[in-house]
Amino acid sequence: MSLMTLIRLAVLLILGWTLTALGIGALSGIVPSGDAPTYYLPQPALHDILSAHWPSTQEHHLVDLATGRSTPVHLPPGEDWSLLSISPWRDPRGELEAVGRWVSRDQDVAWGWGLVRLSDGAVLGRIGLEKLPTSRPCWIPGRLRSILYGAGDGRLYQCTLPTGGDTGDSREPPRDSSGQAAEPLPLAWRVPPPGLGEVFLADPVWSSDPRLRKWVIVALSVKRQRAGRVVFQQPRLWWLEMSERADAILAAGPLSGPAGDEPKPADDTLAERLPNLAAGASGSIHLVWLARRAGEDSWRLRSAVLGFDSGTGRPRVDPDTVASLGSGAELATAPQVLSADGRRVFRVASPGRIASLPVTPPSD
């Protein structure tokens, strides 16, 4: 081996050691140690919560989305907890967390969102709100402890949940690092809303599947004029295209029907609520929701495969896969939970009992 070859090898080794040291130093600056509140997406929760007599109930069931097994959920006493949603992560100790709406009636009625550790019911943080949340929250993909939810004014709000434990003063809004109040932010419309310019939004679902990274599925009611009166139509399932910061709606459209068309006033006999999503065994995206015609007393459970328009890339219900599930079953206005593989739907059949229905769309 020549002298020049030895010199080259020595230079390469020195460069390698230097880059390794720089990499370790950089990583030490971004990877917390000890008990730092870091959350790991590689440990998905694979659980969800079903509530009896939704939304006002103290009976909640933690459902394993792989096995279907359920266990009771114990929440802090002295308050009403509802609209619960499991976080899409586990903490470093493998603990599950959930966000839920709390209502306190100790003195003056107060409400807001609370983050709860499910193993012992400890409140990890809470925020008091002015407007009552009316929809189960969904988690904003890639944003730690950030949720999207519907409120009683018909708008969607973005909110980052505080941490640091239960301070005991739940009416005070949380503070960010600058000391400013971190209030929930209503989503803005970057395009004119459909109908007469005012809509009512509820039941947002935002999947962590990369194909749905910018799409939120909601139940949307359009305001129209009918028989000389201005009224909201029955809610239908729509897609919303979200901005990168998840603070604005860039576009919106119905999930079913002719592409680009809005539901016509004559279609106001069908109501659709409470969508849910899961990736199927073959990679297809399964959608389940509740549907009810005018004059019907109970909801019907429907399922379909969610595809994407070849021209626009926007989500669309594949009409050839639409199916009704569990015909004749009495369904309350309550969320249904899909199994991890999208093949079964779990629901509360009676107090203390979880039932399931098969989902077998043609594409799977």
Protein backbone atom coordinates (compact mmCIF):
# COMPACT_ATOMS: atom_id res chain seq x y z
CA MET A 1 0.00 0.00 0.00
CA SER A 2 1.47 3.37 -1.09
CA LEU A 3 1.97 6.38 1.16
CA MET A 4 -0.70 8.37 -0.74
CA THR A 5 -3.22 5.56 -0.21
CA LEU A 6 -2.52 5.57 3.55
CA ILE A 7 -2.97 9.35 3.66
CA ARG A 8 -6.31 9.12 1.83
CA LEU A 9 -7.53 6.43 4.26
CA ALA A 10 -6.52 8.52 7.25
CA VAL A 11 -8.36 11.58 5.89
CA LEU A 12 -11.49 9.50 5.25
CA LEU A 13 -11.39 8.09 8.79
CA ILE A 14 -11.02 11.55 10.32
CA LEU A 15 -13.93 12.86 8.23
CA GLY A 16 -16.06 9.88 9.25
CA TRP A 17 -15.33 10.38 12.96
CA THR A 18 -16.08 14.11 12.65
CA LEU A 19 -19.43 13.54 10.91
CA THR A 20 -20.36 10.88 13.47
CA ALA A 21 -19.59 13.23 16.34
CA LEU A 22 -21.58 16.03 14.72
CA GLY A 23 -24.51 13.67 14.18
CA ILE A 24 -24.49 12.51 17.80
CA GLY A 25 -24.33 16.10 18.96
CA ALA A 26 -27.25 17.09 16.75
CA LEU A 27 -29.33 14.16 17.88
CA SER A 28 -28.66 14.91 21.52
CA GLY A 29 -30.23 18.29 20.94
CA ILE A 30 -33.49 16.92 19.56
CA VAL A 31 -34.02 13.61 21.33
CA PRO A 32 -35.16 14.23 24.91
CA SER A 33 -33.97 11.99 27.68
CA GLY A 34 -35.46 10.76 30.90
CA ASP A 35 -39.14 11.52 31.46
CA ALA A 36 -39.52 14.20 28.80
CA PRO A 37 -43.07 14.19 27.35
CA THR A 38 -42.16 12.68 23.97
CA TYR A 39 -44.71 10.71 21.93
CA TYR A 40 -43.87 7.98 19.47
CA LEU A 41 -46.00 7.48 16.39
CA PRO A 42 -44.39 4.04 15.74
CA GLN A 43 -46.52 2.82 18.67
CA PRO A 44 -50.05 3.43 17.31
CA ALA A 45 -52.86 3.27 19.83
CA LEU A 46 -54.98 0.74 17.86
CA HIS A 47 -57.83 1.42 20.30
CA ASP A 48 -60.94 3.55 20.28
CA ILE A 49 -63.78 4.41 22.63
CA LEU A 50 -67.48 3.62 22.34
CA SER A 51 -69.97 5.40 24.58
CA ALA A 52 -73.44 4.23 25.54
CA HIS A 53 -76.26 6.77 25.05
CA TRP A 54 -73.89 9.11 23.24
CA PRO A 55 -73.03 11.90 23.79
CA SER A 56 -74.13 12.35 27.44
CA THR A 57 -73.05 9.32 29.42
CA GLN A 58 -70.66 8.07 32.03
CA GLU A 59 -70.50 4.61 30.46
CA HIS A 60 -67.56 4.29 28.08
CA HIS A 61 -65.83 1.24 26.62
CA LEU A 62 -62.22 0.98 25.43
CA VAL A 63 -62.25 -1.21 22.31
CA ASP A 64 -59.18 -3.06 21.03
CA LEU A 65 -59.37 -2.51 17.26
CA ALA A 66 -57.44 -5.70 16.52
CA THR A 67 -59.35 -8.15 18.72
CA GLY A 68 -62.64 -6.38 19.44
CA ARG A 69 -62.24 -6.87 23.20
CA SER A 70 -63.63 -4.09 25.36
CA THR A 71 -62.95 -2.88 28.88
CA PRO A 72 -64.67 -0.17 30.95
CA VAL A 73 -63.13 3.29 30.94
CA HIS A 74 -62.83 5.04 34.31
CA LEU A 75 -62.76 8.83 34.18
CA PRO A 76 -62.33 11.53 36.85
CA PRO A 77 -65.37 11.66 39.18
CA GLY A 78 -67.48 14.74 39.79
CA GLU A 79 -67.73 15.80 36.14
CA ASP A 80 -69.54 14.61 33.03
CA TRP A 81 -67.17 13.31 30.34
CA SER A 82 -68.24 12.63 26.75
CA LEU A 83 -67.16 12.89 23.08
CA LEU A 84 -64.03 10.85 23.85
CA SER A 85 -61.34 10.15 21.25
CA ILE A 86 -58.15 8.11 21.69
CA SER A 87 -54.89 9.80 20.74
CA PRO A 88 -53.04 8.24 17.76
CA TRP A 89 -49.92 7.59 19.87
CA ARG A 90 -48.76 6.04 23.11
CA ASP A 91 -46.51 7.83 25.55
CA PRO A 92 -42.96 6.51 26.29
CA ARG A 93 -44.40 4.17 28.92
CA GLY A 94 -46.92 2.71 26.49
CA GLU A 95 -49.86 4.51 28.12
CA LEU A 96 -53.00 5.39 26.19
CA GLU A 97 -54.39 8.92 26.31
CA ALA A 98 -57.78 10.30 25.30
CA VAL A 99 -59.31 13.72 24.87
CA GLY A 100 -62.87 14.26 26.02
CA ARG A 101 -65.38 17.00 26.68
CA TRP A 102 -65.85 17.69 30.38
CA VAL A 103 -68.76 19.56 31.93
CA SER A 104 -68.60 20.77 35.52
CA ARG A 105 -71.66 21.91 37.46
CA ASP A 106 -70.07 22.56 40.85
CA GLN A 107 -70.97 26.26 40.95
CA ASP A 108 -71.37 27.84 37.54
CA VAL A 109 -71.62 25.47 34.60
CA ALA A 110 -68.28 25.25 32.75
CA TRP A 111 -66.98 23.03 29.98
CA GLY A 112 -64.00 22.35 27.77
CA TRP A 113 -61.56 19.67 26.57
CA GLY A 114 -59.48 17.52 28.87
CA LEU A 115 -56.57 15.17 28.15
CA VAL A 116 -56.80 12.02 30.28
CA ARG A 117 -54.48 9.07 30.87
CA LEU A 118 -56.71 6.02 30.62
CA SER A 119 -54.86 3.68 32.98
CA ASP A 120 -55.68 5.76 36.07
CA GLY A 121 -57.97 8.57 34.85
CA ALA A 122 -55.38 11.26 35.61
CA VAL A 123 -56.07 14.60 33.91
CA LEU A 124 -52.90 15.62 32.06
CA GLY A 125 -54.24 19.01 30.99
CA ARG A 126 -57.46 20.81 30.26
CA ILE A 127 -58.80 23.89 28.55
CA GLY A 128 -61.98 25.84 29.32
CA LEU A 129 -64.06 26.93 26.33
CA GLU A 130 -66.73 29.55 25.69
CA LYS A 131 -68.53 27.61 22.94
CA LEU A 132 -69.74 24.12 23.79
CA PRO A 133 -68.10 21.38 21.69
CA THR A 134 -70.78 19.26 20.01
CA SER A 135 -68.71 16.87 17.88
CA ARG A 136 -66.22 14.19 18.74
CA PRO A 137 -62.76 15.63 18.01
CA CYS A 138 -60.33 14.30 15.44
CA TRP A 139 -56.55 14.53 15.68
CA ILE A 140 -54.62 16.71 13.22
CA PRO A 141 -52.02 14.46 11.51
CA GLY A 142 -48.44 15.34 12.38
CA ARG A 143 -49.44 17.87 15.05
CA LEU A 144 -48.82 16.76 18.61
CA ARG A 145 -51.90 17.06 20.85
CA SER A 146 -53.78 19.16 18.30
CA ILE A 147 -57.44 18.49 17.52
CA LEU A 148 -60.19 19.63 15.20
CA TYR A 149 -63.78 19.69 16.45
CA GLY A 150 -67.23 21.08 15.78
CA ALA A 151 -68.99 23.50 18.14
CA GLY A 152 -72.56 24.56 18.72
CA ASP A 153 -72.23 27.51 16.34
CA GLY A 154 -71.70 25.17 13.38
CA ARG A 155 -68.03 26.00 12.87
CA LEU A 156 -64.91 23.84 13.07
CA TYR A 157 -62.20 24.82 15.55
CA GLN A 158 -58.52 24.00 15.82
CA CYS A 159 -57.18 23.54 19.33
CA THR A 160 -53.86 22.50 20.91
CA LEU A 161 -54.33 20.74 24.21
CA PRO A 162 -52.33 22.04 27.18
CA THR A 163 -50.16 19.84 29.38
CA GLY A 164 -48.92 20.12 32.91
CA GLY A 165 -51.67 18.45 34.88
CA ASP A 166 -55.01 19.50 36.28
CA THR A 167 -54.54 22.94 37.77
CA GLY A 168 -57.93 22.94 39.43
CA ASP A 169 -58.95 26.17 37.69
CA SER A 170 -60.47 24.74 34.54
CA ARG A 171 -62.11 27.99 33.48
CA GLU A 172 -58.80 29.68 32.69
CA PRO A 173 -57.55 29.25 29.10
CA PRO A 174 -54.08 27.70 28.71
CA ARG A 175 -51.05 29.85 28.06
CA ASP A 176 -48.38 29.32 25.44
CA SER A 177 -44.65 29.88 26.02
CA SER A 178 -45.01 33.61 25.43
CA GLY A 179 -47.69 33.93 28.11
CA GLN A 180 -50.45 34.66 25.59
CA ALA A 181 -53.78 32.89 25.85
CA ALA A 182 -53.90 29.88 23.50
CA GLU A 183 -57.54 30.04 22.46
CA PRO A 184 -59.12 27.63 19.96
CA LEU A 185 -59.15 29.09 16.45
CA PRO A 186 -62.14 28.83 14.09
CA LEU A 187 -61.31 27.57 10.62
CA ALA A 188 -61.53 30.19 7.88
CA TRP A 189 -63.04 29.62 4.45
CA ARG A 190 -60.63 30.52 1.64
CA VAL A 191 -63.43 29.83 -0.88
CA PRO A 192 -67.10 30.82 -0.68
CA PRO A 193 -69.04 28.24 1.38
CA PRO A 194 -71.69 26.30 -0.56
CA GLY A 195 -75.35 27.25 -0.55
CA LEU A 196 -76.27 30.71 0.70
CA GLY A 197 -72.86 31.23 2.24
CA GLU A 198 -73.46 29.74 5.69
CA VAL A 199 -73.04 26.07 6.56
CA PHE A 200 -73.23 23.91 9.67
CA LEU A 201 -70.26 21.55 10.14
CA ALA A 202 -70.14 18.51 12.44
CA ASP A 203 -68.51 15.09 12.97
CA PRO A 204 -65.03 15.79 11.52
CA VAL A 205 -62.82 12.78 10.73
CA TRP A 206 -59.18 13.19 9.73
CA SER A 207 -57.33 9.98 8.91
CA SER A 208 -53.58 9.58 9.46
CA ASP A 209 -53.39 7.65 6.16
CA PRO A 210 -50.98 9.62 3.90
CA ARG A 211 -53.52 9.52 1.06
CA LEU A 212 -55.90 11.58 3.21
CA ARG A 213 -53.29 13.94 4.59
CA LYS A 214 -55.14 17.09 3.48
CA TRP A 215 -58.73 15.80 3.46
CA VAL A 216 -61.21 16.03 6.33
CA ILE A 217 -64.55 14.22 6.07
CA VAL A 218 -67.48 16.01 7.74
CA ALA A 219 -71.25 16.11 7.98
CA LEU A 220 -72.17 19.40 6.31
CA SER A 221 -75.55 21.14 6.25
CA VAL A 222 -76.11 23.66 3.46
CA LYS A 223 -78.36 26.69 3.97
CA ARG A 224 -80.88 27.14 1.17
CA GLN A 225 -84.14 28.91 0.48
CA ARG A 226 -87.21 26.66 0.42
CA ALA A 227 -90.88 27.67 0.24
CA GLY A 228 -89.95 31.27 0.94
CA ARG A 229 -87.92 30.37 4.05
CA VAL A 230 -84.18 30.05 4.60
CA VAL A 231 -83.40 26.65 6.17
CA PHE A 232 -80.52 24.25 6.67
CA GLN A 233 -80.76 21.08 4.62
CA GLN A 234 -80.19 17.65 6.10
CA PRO A 235 -76.47 16.99 6.78
CA ARG A 236 -74.58 15.11 4.07
CA LEU A 237 -71.02 13.79 3.96
CA TRP A 238 -68.57 16.20 2.37
CA TRP A 239 -64.81 16.43 1.95
CA LEU A 240 -62.86 19.51 3.01
CA GLU A 241 -59.43 20.31 1.59
CA MET A 242 -57.34 21.71 4.43
CA SER A 243 -54.53 24.24 4.37
CA GLU A 244 -51.02 23.21 5.35
CA ARG A 245 -51.44 24.85 8.76
CA ALA A 246 -54.86 23.23 9.25
CA ASP A 247 -56.38 26.64 9.87
CA ALA A 248 -58.41 27.13 6.68
CA ILE A 249 -60.66 25.32 4.21
CA LEU A 250 -59.34 25.58 0.65
CA ALA A 251 -62.13 23.68 -1.13
CA ALA A 252 -65.16 21.52 -0.33
CA GLY A 253 -67.47 19.10 -2.10
CA PRO A 254 -69.91 16.21 -1.54
CA LEU A 255 -68.50 12.70 -1.21
CA SER A 256 -71.21 11.18 -3.39
CA GLY A 257 -73.24 12.26 -6.39
CA PRO A 258 -72.02 13.82 -9.66
CA ALA A 259 -68.50 15.19 -9.32
CA GLY A 260 -68.48 18.90 -8.58
CA ASP A 261 -72.22 19.16 -7.94
CA GLU A 262 -73.78 20.23 -4.67
CA PRO A 263 -76.79 18.35 -3.25
CA LYS A 264 -79.98 19.83 -4.73
CA PRO A 265 -82.91 20.91 -2.55
CA ALA A 266 -84.91 17.93 -3.90
CA ASP A 267 -82.33 15.60 -2.31
CA ASP A 268 -83.14 16.86 1.17
CA THR A 269 -84.71 13.59 2.32
CA LEU A 270 -81.50 11.84 3.34
CA ALA A 271 -79.39 12.70 6.38
CA GLU A 272 -75.82 11.41 6.83
CA ARG A 273 -73.86 11.61 10.07
CA LEU A 274 -70.85 10.33 12.02
CA PRO A 275 -68.40 9.02 9.38
CA ASN A 276 -65.42 6.85 10.28
CA LEU A 277 -62.45 5.59 8.25
CA ALA A 278 -60.00 2.69 8.24
CA ALA A 279 -57.57 1.15 5.76
CA GLY A 280 -58.71 -2.27 4.55
CA ALA A 281 -56.66 -5.46 4.30
CA SER A 282 -56.07 -4.82 0.57
CA GLY A 283 -55.10 -1.19 1.12
CA SER A 284 -58.50 0.23 0.22
CA ILE A 285 -59.96 2.93 2.47
CA HIS A 286 -63.22 1.90 4.12
CA LEU A 287 -65.83 4.47 5.08
CA VAL A 288 -68.79 3.80 7.39
CA TRP A 289 -71.51 6.26 8.37
CA LEU A 290 -75.09 6.57 9.57
CA ALA A 291 -77.92 7.39 7.15
CA ARG A 292 -81.61 8.11 7.71
CA ARG A 293 -84.46 9.10 5.41
CA ALA A 294 -87.07 11.66 6.39
CA GLY A 295 -89.73 10.00 8.52
CA GLU A 296 -87.49 7.15 9.72
CA ASP A 297 -87.03 6.75 13.48
CA SER A 298 -83.61 5.08 13.53
CA TRP A 299 -80.39 5.26 11.57
CA ARG A 300 -79.06 2.71 9.09
CA LEU A 301 -75.38 1.79 9.01
CA ARG A 302 -73.79 2.10 5.58
CA SER A 303 -70.32 1.34 4.24
CA ALA A 304 -68.37 2.03 1.06
CA VAL A 305 -64.87 2.20 -0.33
CA LEU A 306 -63.41 5.68 -0.54
CA GLY A 307 -61.58 6.35 -3.78
CA PHE A 308 -60.09 9.41 -5.47
CA ASP A 309 -61.19 11.27 -8.59
CA SER A 310 -58.75 10.57 -11.42
CA GLY A 311 -58.84 14.18 -12.58
CA THR A 312 -58.81 16.19 -9.36
CA GLY A 313 -57.45 13.70 -6.81
CA ARG A 314 -60.34 14.54 -4.49
CA PRO A 315 -61.93 11.78 -2.38
CA ARG A 316 -65.09 10.15 -3.72
CA VAL A 317 -67.37 7.34 -2.55
CA ASP A 318 -67.20 4.45 -5.02
CA PRO A 319 -70.93 3.97 -5.78
CA ASP A 320 -70.41 0.29 -6.70
CA THR A 321 -69.25 -0.50 -3.15
CA VAL A 322 -72.04 1.16 -1.14
CA ALA A 323 -73.73 -1.38 1.15
CA SER A 324 -76.13 -1.38 4.10
CA LEU A 325 -74.98 -3.25 7.21
CA GLY A 326 -77.03 -5.00 9.85
CA SER A 327 -80.44 -4.35 8.30
CA GLY A 328 -83.12 -4.02 10.93
CA ALA A 329 -80.71 -3.09 13.72
CA GLU A 330 -81.86 -0.17 15.88
CA LEU A 331 -79.05 2.36 15.80
CA ALA A 332 -78.76 5.44 17.98
CA THR A 333 -77.11 8.66 16.86
CA ALA A 334 -73.66 7.57 18.02
CA PRO A 335 -70.23 7.01 16.46
CA GLN A 336 -69.39 3.57 15.09
CA VAL A 337 -65.82 2.25 15.38
CA LEU A 338 -64.00 0.38 12.59
CA SER A 339 -61.57 -2.45 13.29
CA ALA A 340 -57.89 -1.93 12.50
CA ASP A 341 -58.22 -3.85 9.20
CA GLY A 342 -61.49 -2.17 8.25
CA ARG A 343 -63.39 -5.48 8.12
CA ARG A 344 -65.69 -5.05 11.13
CA VAL A 345 -67.72 -2.27 12.73
CA PHE A 346 -68.05 -2.16 16.52
CA ARG A 347 -71.01 -0.52 18.23
CA VAL A 348 -72.78 -0.46 21.58
CA ALA A 349 -75.67 -2.94 21.21
CA SER A 350 -76.90 -2.60 24.79
CA PRO A 351 -75.48 -1.23 28.04
CA GLY A 352 -72.26 -3.10 28.76
CA ARG A 353 -72.26 -5.09 25.50
CA ILE A 354 -70.26 -4.41 22.33
CA ALA A 355 -71.49 -5.97 19.09
CA SER A 356 -69.80 -6.12 15.69
CA LEU A 357 -70.93 -6.28 12.07
CA PRO A 358 -68.86 -7.50 9.09
CA VAL A 359 -67.80 -5.04 6.39
CA THR A 360 -67.26 -6.81 3.06
CA PRO A 361 -67.19 -4.32 0.21
CA PRO A 362 -66.61 -5.85 -3.23
CA SER A 363 -63.07 -4.50 -3.56
CA ASP A 364 -61.83 -6.58 -0.64
